[in-house]
Amino acid sequence: MTKTAVLLVSFGTTYPESRHETDDSADTAFASAFPEATLFHAYTSVIVRRRVKANEGVTLDDVPAALQHILDGGFKDLVVQSLHIIPGIEYHRLCDQLVPFNSKFEHVSVGKPLLTSFDDFQTVVGWLKMVGTDDDTKAVVFMGHGTGDHAFTTYACLDHMLMETNVYMGAVESYPGIDTMIAELKQRDVKSVVVRPFMMVSGNHVHHDMTSESPKSWTSRLTAAGFKVEPEFSSLANVSAILTLFTEHAKQAVEAQHE
């Protein structure tokens, strides 16, 4: 048994294939970054955990349950890495749930979400720009989740940083929304659009809000607005630059804790 436990904390999804794909990708990245550690998972969404239990008969750990399993395993050093995109509601809940357990470990390090520092934004925007195309009539529209937390500004910031490109960033539950995206695309005289998720899983939002036949889905809205639409289902869990940034955040947290 190793001394260090790495707890990977994500929102979760009710789509088993996507959940396993994301967990496997994260496990591969963190096993390489922390070869001596044992990996654990926790999921912050109450609804996801409840539905997975009802539909699959599988019990997914929340943060307290995972931490208790780690304690029961005799681990003394704990590295917690948020796999959330922004430091929003789910991340703050994670931090609150850690408080009662901090004194029970010798060392506790907590890695920040994907987009926390200005350097993070620059790194992610660098990758987003690479996804673009030289065809001025074609655009790539990313759909982020959005939040009621003040961190909702993340998506507008990314969209602004991509202003001189044909890559756009929107959010399904905050700003910029699909109406803003459509207006920008029409102003640029775009003809065709690739729409893809800016999320760690291709779950409910991707299959319903992004690509379903519902007239409210982004694909339907874009099609109705006159664009040729090509959905892309690949999540951020398949992007090595994204996974590397998460592992770097975990390493930075460990280094800071031992200073």
Protein backbone atom coordinates (compact mmCIF):
# COMPACT_ATOMS: atom_id res chain seq x y z
CA MET A 1 0.00 0.00 0.00
CA THR A 2 1.28 3.49 -0.83
CA LYS A 3 1.29 6.33 1.65
CA THR A 4 -0.26 8.94 -0.65
CA ALA A 5 -3.83 8.99 -1.93
CA VAL A 6 -4.94 11.16 -4.84
CA LEU A 7 -8.66 11.95 -4.82
CA LEU A 8 -10.01 13.09 -8.19
CA VAL A 9 -13.24 15.02 -7.74
CA SER A 10 -15.62 15.66 -10.63
CA PHE A 11 -19.24 16.65 -11.16
CA GLY A 12 -20.13 13.26 -12.66
CA THR A 13 -22.59 12.14 -15.32
CA THR A 14 -25.44 9.68 -15.70
CA TYR A 15 -23.95 8.49 -19.01
CA PRO A 16 -21.85 5.43 -18.03
CA GLU A 17 -19.68 5.34 -21.15
CA SER A 18 -18.71 8.98 -20.82
CA ARG A 19 -18.12 8.66 -17.08
CA HIS A 20 -15.80 5.68 -17.54
CA GLU A 21 -14.00 7.38 -20.42
CA THR A 22 -13.36 10.51 -18.34
CA ASP A 23 -12.30 8.56 -15.26
CA ASP A 24 -9.96 6.34 -17.29
CA SER A 25 -8.36 9.35 -18.99
CA ALA A 26 -7.86 11.11 -15.67
CA ASP A 27 -6.48 7.93 -14.08
CA THR A 28 -3.93 7.54 -16.87
CA ALA A 29 -2.76 11.14 -16.54
CA PHE A 30 -2.53 11.10 -12.74
CA ALA A 31 -0.96 7.65 -12.53
CA SER A 32 1.84 9.04 -14.69
CA ALA A 33 2.12 12.27 -12.67
CA PHE A 34 1.91 10.50 -9.25
CA PRO A 35 3.25 6.98 -9.87
CA GLU A 36 3.59 6.15 -6.16
CA ALA A 37 0.04 7.19 -5.23
CA THR A 38 -3.26 5.32 -5.13
CA LEU A 39 -6.12 6.94 -7.02
CA PHE A 40 -9.68 7.47 -5.78
CA HIS A 41 -12.74 9.19 -7.26
CA ALA A 42 -15.57 11.29 -5.83
CA TYR A 43 -18.53 13.00 -7.52
CA THR A 44 -20.08 16.24 -6.33
CA SER A 45 -23.49 16.08 -8.04
CA VAL A 46 -26.20 14.74 -5.75
CA ILE A 47 -28.55 14.20 -8.70
CA VAL A 48 -25.95 12.25 -10.67
CA ARG A 49 -25.13 9.98 -7.74
CA ARG A 50 -28.82 9.34 -7.04
CA ARG A 51 -29.65 8.52 -10.66
CA VAL A 52 -26.62 6.29 -11.15
CA LYS A 53 -27.63 4.33 -8.06
CA ALA A 54 -31.23 3.98 -9.31
CA ASN A 55 -30.41 3.19 -12.95
CA GLU A 56 -27.15 1.24 -12.69
CA GLY A 57 -27.16 -0.06 -9.13
CA VAL A 58 -23.76 1.59 -8.69
CA THR A 59 -22.90 3.65 -5.61
CA LEU A 60 -20.66 6.60 -6.45
CA ASP A 61 -18.80 8.18 -3.55
CA ASP A 62 -19.40 11.77 -2.61
CA VAL A 63 -16.41 13.64 -1.16
CA PRO A 64 -16.94 12.68 2.53
CA ALA A 65 -17.44 8.99 1.67
CA ALA A 66 -14.30 8.90 -0.47
CA LEU A 67 -12.28 10.64 2.24
CA GLN A 68 -13.48 8.14 4.82
CA HIS A 69 -12.45 5.24 2.56
CA ILE A 70 -9.02 6.82 2.20
CA LEU A 71 -8.68 7.23 5.98
CA ASP A 72 -9.80 3.65 6.53
CA GLY A 73 -7.07 2.58 4.12
CA GLY A 74 -4.42 4.09 6.33
CA PHE A 75 -3.27 6.85 4.00
CA LYS A 76 -1.49 9.78 5.63
CA ASP A 77 -0.85 12.11 2.70
CA LEU A 78 -3.82 13.35 0.66
CA VAL A 79 -3.84 15.13 -2.68
CA VAL A 80 -7.28 16.32 -3.78
CA GLN A 81 -7.63 17.47 -7.37
CA SER A 82 -10.77 19.17 -8.58
CA LEU A 83 -11.66 18.16 -12.13
CA HIS A 84 -14.13 21.02 -12.37
CA ILE A 85 -13.66 23.62 -15.11
CA ILE A 86 -14.15 26.71 -12.95
CA PRO A 87 -13.93 27.54 -9.21
CA GLY A 88 -17.70 27.70 -8.88
CA ILE A 89 -20.41 26.20 -6.68
CA GLU A 90 -19.25 22.58 -6.90
CA TYR A 91 -15.63 23.47 -6.12
CA HIS A 92 -16.57 25.59 -3.11
CA ARG A 93 -18.72 22.72 -1.81
CA LEU A 94 -15.73 20.39 -2.19
CA CYS A 95 -13.54 22.74 -0.14
CA ASP A 96 -16.18 22.96 2.59
CA GLN A 97 -16.48 19.17 2.76
CA LEU A 98 -12.72 18.83 3.21
CA VAL A 99 -12.61 20.94 6.36
CA PRO A 100 -13.60 18.22 8.89
CA PHE A 101 -10.98 15.86 7.43
CA ASN A 102 -7.97 18.17 7.18
CA SER A 103 -6.69 17.41 10.68
CA LYS A 104 -6.95 13.66 10.10
CA PHE A 105 -4.14 13.58 7.53
CA GLU A 106 -0.49 14.53 7.90
CA HIS A 107 -0.56 16.53 4.67
CA VAL A 108 -3.49 17.74 2.56
CA SER A 109 -2.97 19.43 -0.82
CA VAL A 110 -5.86 20.74 -2.93
CA GLY A 111 -5.40 21.38 -6.64
CA LYS A 112 -7.36 24.22 -8.22
CA PRO A 113 -9.93 23.77 -11.03
CA LEU A 114 -8.90 24.06 -14.67
CA LEU A 115 -9.37 27.82 -15.07
CA THR A 116 -8.15 29.61 -11.98
CA SER A 117 -5.11 31.75 -12.86
CA PHE A 118 -4.33 33.98 -15.83
CA ASP A 119 -1.71 31.44 -16.94
CA ASP A 120 -4.47 28.81 -17.00
CA PHE A 121 -6.55 31.00 -19.31
CA GLN A 122 -3.61 31.55 -21.64
CA THR A 123 -2.86 27.83 -21.78
CA VAL A 124 -6.45 26.85 -22.51
CA VAL A 125 -6.94 29.63 -25.05
CA GLY A 126 -3.78 28.43 -26.79
CA TRP A 127 -5.35 25.00 -27.21
CA LEU A 128 -8.71 26.46 -28.25
CA LYS A 129 -7.04 28.49 -31.00
CA MET A 130 -5.43 25.32 -32.34
CA VAL A 131 -8.91 23.82 -32.79
CA GLY A 132 -9.90 26.63 -35.15
CA THR A 133 -9.76 26.68 -38.92
CA ASP A 134 -8.39 28.96 -41.62
CA ASP A 135 -11.77 28.92 -43.37
CA ASP A 136 -13.41 32.29 -42.60
CA THR A 137 -16.85 30.84 -43.37
CA LYS A 138 -16.52 28.10 -40.73
CA ALA A 139 -16.56 28.45 -36.94
CA VAL A 140 -16.13 26.23 -33.89
CA VAL A 141 -18.59 26.95 -31.08
CA PHE A 142 -17.84 25.49 -27.66
CA MET A 143 -20.63 24.94 -25.17
CA GLY A 144 -19.61 25.35 -21.54
CA HIS A 145 -21.83 24.54 -18.57
CA GLY A 146 -22.22 27.92 -16.92
CA THR A 147 -23.00 28.68 -13.28
CA GLY A 148 -24.90 30.95 -10.95
CA ASP A 149 -21.63 31.65 -9.15
CA HIS A 150 -19.62 34.79 -9.93
CA ALA A 151 -17.22 32.50 -11.83
CA PHE A 152 -19.74 32.56 -14.72
CA THR A 153 -17.54 35.38 -16.09
CA THR A 154 -15.00 32.72 -17.08
CA TYR A 155 -16.88 31.91 -20.28
CA ALA A 156 -17.24 35.52 -21.38
CA CYS A 157 -13.54 36.05 -20.68
CA LEU A 158 -12.59 33.08 -22.85
CA ASP A 159 -14.87 34.27 -25.64
CA HIS A 160 -13.24 37.71 -25.48
CA MET A 161 -9.74 36.22 -25.59
CA LEU A 162 -10.81 34.32 -28.74
CA MET A 163 -12.25 37.45 -30.36
CA GLU A 164 -9.83 37.55 -33.31
CA THR A 165 -10.35 33.85 -34.14
CA ASN A 166 -13.19 31.75 -35.52
CA VAL A 167 -13.52 29.90 -32.20
CA TYR A 168 -16.35 30.96 -29.87
CA MET A 169 -17.17 30.15 -26.25
CA GLY A 170 -20.70 30.06 -24.84
CA ALA A 171 -22.47 28.60 -21.82
CA VAL A 172 -25.73 26.71 -21.58
CA GLU A 173 -26.67 28.00 -18.12
CA SER A 174 -25.20 31.51 -18.07
CA TYR A 175 -23.47 33.97 -20.42
CA PRO A 176 -22.70 34.09 -23.33
CA GLY A 177 -25.76 32.11 -24.42
CA ILE A 178 -26.71 30.71 -27.80
CA ASP A 179 -28.46 33.93 -28.86
CA THR A 180 -25.20 35.81 -28.41
CA MET A 181 -23.36 33.12 -30.37
CA ILE A 182 -25.80 33.30 -33.29
CA ALA A 183 -25.57 37.09 -33.47
CA GLU A 184 -21.76 36.98 -33.53
CA LEU A 185 -21.70 34.26 -36.19
CA LYS A 186 -24.09 36.15 -38.46
CA GLN A 187 -22.08 39.32 -38.07
CA ARG A 188 -18.97 37.42 -39.21
CA ASP A 189 -20.89 35.90 -42.16
CA VAL A 190 -20.17 32.34 -40.99
CA LYS A 191 -21.86 29.57 -43.00
CA SER A 192 -21.02 26.36 -41.14
CA VAL A 193 -20.47 25.59 -37.47
CA VAL A 194 -18.85 22.78 -35.51
CA VAL A 195 -20.45 22.70 -32.06
CA ARG A 196 -18.65 20.80 -29.31
CA PRO A 197 -18.61 20.57 -25.50
CA PHE A 198 -16.30 22.52 -23.24
CA MET A 199 -16.93 19.99 -20.49
CA MET A 200 -15.09 17.04 -18.99
CA VAL A 201 -17.88 14.63 -19.91
CA SER A 202 -20.26 14.22 -22.84
CA GLY A 203 -23.29 13.84 -20.64
CA ASN A 204 -26.79 15.20 -20.35
CA HIS A 205 -26.02 18.73 -21.49
CA VAL A 206 -24.22 17.47 -24.59
CA HIS A 207 -26.89 14.97 -25.59
CA HIS A 208 -29.85 17.24 -24.83
CA ASP A 209 -28.89 20.90 -24.74
CA MET A 210 -26.26 20.68 -27.46
CA THR A 211 -27.32 18.06 -30.00
CA SER A 212 -30.87 16.82 -29.43
CA GLU A 213 -33.80 17.33 -31.81
CA SER A 214 -35.40 19.68 -29.30
CA PRO A 215 -36.01 23.07 -30.91
CA LYS A 216 -34.16 24.61 -27.95
CA SER A 217 -30.92 22.66 -28.43
CA TRP A 218 -27.92 24.54 -29.76
CA THR A 219 -27.79 22.37 -32.87
CA SER A 220 -31.47 23.04 -33.61
CA ARG A 221 -31.13 26.76 -32.91
CA LEU A 222 -28.07 27.10 -35.14
CA THR A 223 -29.70 25.08 -37.91
CA ALA A 224 -32.86 27.20 -37.73
CA ALA A 225 -30.65 30.30 -37.98
CA GLY A 226 -29.36 29.05 -41.34
CA PHE A 227 -26.04 27.47 -40.41
CA LYS A 228 -24.80 24.07 -41.49
CA VAL A 229 -24.10 22.35 -38.17
CA GLU A 230 -21.69 19.52 -37.37
CA PRO A 231 -21.86 18.22 -33.76
CA GLU A 232 -18.63 17.00 -32.15
CA PHE A 233 -19.07 14.89 -29.01
CA SER A 234 -15.46 14.62 -27.81
CA SER A 235 -15.08 16.01 -24.28
CA LEU A 236 -12.12 17.74 -22.65
CA ALA A 237 -11.15 14.43 -21.05
CA ASN A 238 -9.72 13.49 -24.45
CA VAL A 239 -7.45 16.54 -24.63
CA SER A 240 -3.93 15.91 -23.33
CA ALA A 241 -3.25 19.64 -22.76
CA ILE A 242 -6.27 19.83 -20.45
CA LEU A 243 -5.31 16.76 -18.45
CA THR A 244 -1.74 18.02 -18.15
CA LEU A 245 -2.99 21.31 -16.73
CA PHE A 246 -4.96 19.44 -14.07
CA THR A 247 -1.91 17.38 -13.07
CA GLU A 248 0.19 20.56 -12.92
CA HIS A 249 -2.34 22.10 -10.55
CA ALA A 250 -2.06 19.06 -8.28
CA LYS A 251 1.74 19.21 -8.32
CA GLN A 252 1.68 22.94 -7.56
CA ALA A 253 -0.59 22.30 -4.58
CA VAL A 254 1.75 19.62 -3.23
CA GLU A 255 4.77 21.88 -3.65
CA ALA A 256 3.02 24.78 -1.91
CA GLN A 257 1.92 22.56 0.98
CA HIS A 258 5.51 21.40 1.61
CA GLU A 259 7.13 24.83 1.43
